[in-house]
Every structure is written in C-alpha cells, then in structure tokens.
Amino acid sequence: MVATHQRVHTLGAGRVLFQQGDPGGDLYFILEGEVELTVRSSEGQSAIVAILGENTVLGTMSFLAGDPRAATATAKADIKYIRIASQSRKRMLASIPKWVQVIIKD
C-alpha cells in the first residue's frame, strides 16, 4: 500500500501528529520510531491506549469513514512517516472490489 513516490515526513519527539477531535481524513504509515495514542475523557482525564511502532498504520477509521480523530497521536521519539492524503481515498478504494470495501469499512 505504501507507494515509493510518497514523501517521507519527520516529526520530533514530543510533537503531536494529530489531536483527538480533529477533523480526520489522512492516513499515516509509521516507518521509524514510536507514536503514543492517548484518549481524553469528557471529564478531562487522559489515558494511553496504545504505543505504535515501525510499520504500523494510524488513522484508518478516519481515512475510510471521515470520522474525527478518536485519539491524540504524539511522537515518543523522532518518527519518520508517510502521509496518505484523504484525497487519495477514492482512488485507492476504486482499485479494490466493492465487497472488500464493505469489509474494510465494517
């Protein structure tokens, strides 16, 4: 899925990739480093829900369904990643059978 023509981005340790509640859309593929996902409750309490490392994908639901970000993603260390823009979604989904699209979205 990661095309060789995609630009590699970097983000420093402690920097935020996206915030919980932000409009979604883009998909992120982590090439190097670790990203911490945290969720803030309506009462204002935060909890770490995952730490994702190399060769993982962030933002799948937001990319496929356009949902707002469900968590905040923060680089634990310097990361390298590829961002797949939401504008690519239709083109990518058009290349797979409809029934697979339904499974993915489900």
C-alpha atoms as a PDB file:
ATOM      1  CA  MET A   1       0.000   0.000   0.000  1.00  0.00           C
ATOM      2  CA  VAL A   2       2.897   2.372   0.628  1.00  0.00           C
ATOM      3  CA  ALA A   3       3.940   3.693  -2.720  1.00  0.00           C
ATOM      4  CA  THR A   4       7.556   4.552  -3.393  1.00  0.00           C
ATOM      5  CA  HIS A   5       6.555   8.000  -4.697  1.00  0.00           C
ATOM      6  CA  GLN A   6       5.128   9.077  -1.342  1.00  0.00           C
ATOM      7  CA  ARG A   7       7.100  11.725   0.544  1.00  0.00           C
ATOM      8  CA  VAL A   8       8.692  10.737   3.866  1.00  0.00           C
ATOM      9  CA  HIS A   9       7.975  13.213   6.678  1.00  0.00           C
ATOM     10  CA  THR A  10       9.716  13.576  10.029  1.00  0.00           C
ATOM     11  CA  LEU A  11       8.329  14.670  13.389  1.00  0.00           C
ATOM     12  CA  GLY A  12      10.361  15.320  16.524  1.00  0.00           C
ATOM     13  CA  ALA A  13       9.905  13.645  19.888  1.00  0.00           C
ATOM     14  CA  GLY A  14       7.024  15.106  21.884  1.00  0.00           C
ATOM     15  CA  ARG A  15       5.394  16.702  18.836  1.00  0.00           C
ATOM     16  CA  VAL A  16       1.732  15.992  18.093  1.00  0.00           C
ATOM     17  CA  LEU A  17       0.787  14.359  14.785  1.00  0.00           C
ATOM     18  CA  PHE A  18      -2.942  14.971  15.347  1.00  0.00           C
ATOM     19  CA  GLN A  19      -5.300  15.781  18.237  1.00  0.00           C
ATOM     20  CA  GLN A  20      -8.366  13.917  19.435  1.00  0.00           C
ATOM     21  CA  GLY A  21     -11.432  15.512  17.849  1.00  0.00           C
ATOM     22  CA  ASP A  22      -9.547  16.987  14.884  1.00  0.00           C
ATOM     23  CA  PRO A  23     -11.228  16.509  11.525  1.00  0.00           C
ATOM     24  CA  GLY A  24      -9.944  13.288  10.085  1.00  0.00           C
ATOM     25  CA  GLY A  25      -9.077  12.065   6.692  1.00  0.00           C
ATOM     26  CA  ASP A  26      -5.379  11.400   6.288  1.00  0.00           C
ATOM     27  CA  LEU A  27      -3.751   8.028   6.881  1.00  0.00           C
ATOM     28  CA  TYR A  28      -0.278   7.687   8.387  1.00  0.00           C
ATOM     29  CA  PHE A  29       2.220   4.866   7.920  1.00  0.00           C
ATOM     30  CA  ILE A  30       4.961   4.867  10.573  1.00  0.00           C
ATOM     31  CA  LEU A  31       8.340   3.954   9.090  1.00  0.00           C
ATOM     32  CA  GLU A  32      10.541   4.588  12.147  1.00  0.00           C
ATOM     33  CA  GLY A  33      10.007   5.492  15.791  1.00  0.00           C
ATOM     34  CA  GLU A  34       7.043   5.193  18.131  1.00  0.00           C
ATOM     35  CA  VAL A  35       3.759   7.052  18.439  1.00  0.00           C
ATOM     36  CA  GLU A  36       1.730   7.192  21.652  1.00  0.00           C
ATOM     37  CA  LEU A  37      -2.051   7.320  21.351  1.00  0.00           C
ATOM     38  CA  THR A  38      -3.929   8.958  24.197  1.00  0.00           C
ATOM     39  CA  VAL A  39      -7.633   9.476  24.753  1.00  0.00           C
ATOM     40  CA  ARG A  40      -9.090  12.236  26.912  1.00  0.00           C
ATOM     41  CA  SER A  41     -12.411  11.536  28.607  1.00  0.00           C
ATOM     42  CA  SER A  42     -15.226  14.077  28.829  1.00  0.00           C
ATOM     43  CA  GLU A  43     -14.100  14.607  32.446  1.00  0.00           C
ATOM     44  CA  GLY A  44     -10.653  15.662  31.206  1.00  0.00           C
ATOM     45  CA  GLN A  45      -8.700  12.565  32.229  1.00  0.00           C
ATOM     46  CA  SER A  46      -6.156  11.162  29.751  1.00  0.00           C
ATOM     47  CA  ALA A  47      -5.207   7.542  29.231  1.00  0.00           C
ATOM     48  CA  ILE A  48      -2.609   5.959  26.982  1.00  0.00           C
ATOM     49  CA  VAL A  49      -4.442   3.460  24.798  1.00  0.00           C
ATOM     50  CA  ALA A  50      -1.602   2.289  22.543  1.00  0.00           C
ATOM     51  CA  ILE A  51       2.010   2.717  21.581  1.00  0.00           C
ATOM     52  CA  LEU A  52       2.570   2.023  17.911  1.00  0.00           C
ATOM     53  CA  GLY A  53       5.944   1.385  16.326  1.00  0.00           C
ATOM     54  CA  GLU A  54       7.503   0.835  12.970  1.00  0.00           C
ATOM     55  CA  ASN A  55       5.413  -0.496  10.088  1.00  0.00           C
ATOM     56  CA  THR A  56       2.088   0.410  11.663  1.00  0.00           C
ATOM     57  CA  VAL A  57      -0.807   2.461  10.331  1.00  0.00           C
ATOM     58  CA  LEU A  58      -2.601   5.309  12.115  1.00  0.00           C
ATOM     59  CA  GLY A  59      -5.919   6.882  11.253  1.00  0.00           C
ATOM     60  CA  THR A  60      -7.622   4.027   9.455  1.00  0.00           C
ATOM     61  CA  MET A  61     -11.190   4.817  10.568  1.00  0.00           C
ATOM     62  CA  SER A  62     -10.721   8.495   9.923  1.00  0.00           C
ATOM     63  CA  PHE A  63      -9.314   7.761   6.463  1.00  0.00           C
ATOM     64  CA  LEU A  64     -12.045   5.310   5.469  1.00  0.00           C
ATOM     65  CA  ALA A  65     -15.084   6.925   7.056  1.00  0.00           C
ATOM     66  CA  GLY A  66     -14.003  10.540   7.517  1.00  0.00           C
ATOM     67  CA  ASP A  67     -14.614  10.331  11.269  1.00  0.00           C
ATOM     68  CA  PRO A  68     -12.958  12.859  13.611  1.00  0.00           C
ATOM     69  CA  ARG A  69      -9.757  11.681  15.295  1.00  0.00           C
ATOM     70  CA  ALA A  70     -10.559   9.356  18.195  1.00  0.00           C
ATOM     71  CA  ALA A  71      -7.211   9.898  19.948  1.00  0.00           C
ATOM     72  CA  THR A  72      -4.209  12.196  20.120  1.00  0.00           C
ATOM     73  CA  ALA A  73      -1.064  10.858  18.429  1.00  0.00           C
ATOM     74  CA  THR A  74       2.248  12.077  19.880  1.00  0.00           C
ATOM     75  CA  ALA A  75       5.742  11.068  18.763  1.00  0.00           C
ATOM     76  CA  LYS A  76       7.518   9.319  21.646  1.00  0.00           C
ATOM     77  CA  ALA A  77      10.802   9.684  19.798  1.00  0.00           C
ATOM     78  CA  ASP A  78      11.648  11.188  16.430  1.00  0.00           C
ATOM     79  CA  ILE A  79       9.500   9.472  13.816  1.00  0.00           C
ATOM     80  CA  LYS A  80       9.543   9.071  10.061  1.00  0.00           C
ATOM     81  CA  TYR A  81       6.196   8.534   8.386  1.00  0.00           C
ATOM     82  CA  ILE A  82       4.310   8.648   5.134  1.00  0.00           C
ATOM     83  CA  ARG A  83       1.041  10.556   4.971  1.00  0.00           C
ATOM     84  CA  ILE A  84      -1.615   9.308   2.566  1.00  0.00           C
ATOM     85  CA  ALA A  85      -3.923  12.271   1.932  1.00  0.00           C
ATOM     86  CA  SER A  86      -7.657  11.777   2.230  1.00  0.00           C
ATOM     87  CA  GLN A  87      -7.991  12.892  -1.396  1.00  0.00           C
ATOM     88  CA  SER A  88      -6.334   9.575  -2.345  1.00  0.00           C
ATOM     89  CA  ARG A  89      -9.081   7.550  -0.645  1.00  0.00           C
ATOM     90  CA  LYS A  90     -11.446   7.308  -3.609  1.00  0.00           C
ATOM     91  CA  ARG A  91      -8.663   6.375  -5.996  1.00  0.00           C
ATOM     92  CA  MET A  92      -7.296   3.719  -3.618  1.00  0.00           C
ATOM     93  CA  LEU A  93     -10.714   2.246  -2.856  1.00  0.00           C
ATOM     94  CA  ALA A  94     -11.620   2.177  -6.542  1.00  0.00           C
ATOM     95  CA  SER A  95      -8.790  -0.272  -7.136  1.00  0.00           C
ATOM     96  CA  ILE A  96     -10.296  -2.966  -4.861  1.00  0.00           C
ATOM     97  CA  PRO A  97     -13.578  -4.912  -5.200  1.00  0.00           C
ATOM     98  CA  LYS A  98     -16.720  -3.410  -3.604  1.00  0.00           C
ATOM     99  CA  TRP A  99     -17.152  -6.346  -1.223  1.00  0.00           C
ATOM    100  CA  VAL A 100     -13.638  -5.784   0.166  1.00  0.00           C
ATOM    101  CA  GLN A 101     -14.501  -2.101   0.685  1.00  0.00           C
ATOM    102  CA  VAL A 102     -17.514  -3.156   2.774  1.00  0.00           C
ATOM    103  CA  ILE A 103     -15.355  -5.460   4.918  1.00  0.00           C
ATOM    104  CA  ILE A 104     -12.757  -2.740   5.442  1.00  0.00           C
ATOM    105  CA  LYS A 105     -15.348  -0.143   6.459  1.00  0.00           C
ATOM    106  CA  ASP A 106     -17.133  -2.648   8.709  1.00  0.00           C
END
